């Protein structure tokens, strides 16, 4: 019961961050109302299911595979959001500074093609999304491809102080296998 308040506080903090990320993503993409609604349902369903899954993984006797999948999904989600967070904070600080200085926004020249240039906020949020994709892809690749990528290395060691009784002996070392985490 001692860790329950900590877990609840962490869930509240994660939900607050989720709201922050959700608002940033929705503000940048100009989706039709129906697509925005579907995105909102999917986003919040995933977040709520993930938090419920973490509680279930901690307090219920789940299969090891299911618990590992839930915790890895949680870790990947948090890692991606933490990679995106500096871009969102930078954008908010930039906008806050502009409001403080009360600098009037100047009209920018449009490109020759007539396309509207990307705003700084939109650029920072989209750059944050790209940055969030980096840990997602690299960690997912490591989990999927590196799961059973075992290597056998044969190394001849020359140890000058080794007693003659051990000359020619073969030693084996197995380390960092992580076998059984998912399957």
Foldseek 3Di string as FASTA:
>chain_A
DVCVVVLVVVLVVVVVLLVLLLVLVPVQDPDDPVVNVVVVVVSVVVSVVLSVLQVCLVPPDDDLQSSLVSVVVVVLVVQLSVQLVVLSVVVVVVVVVCVVVVDDDDDDDADPVRDRDRDSSSVSNVVSNVSSVVSNVVVVCCVVVVLQPDDDDDDDDDDPPDDPVCPPPDDDDDDDNCPPNND
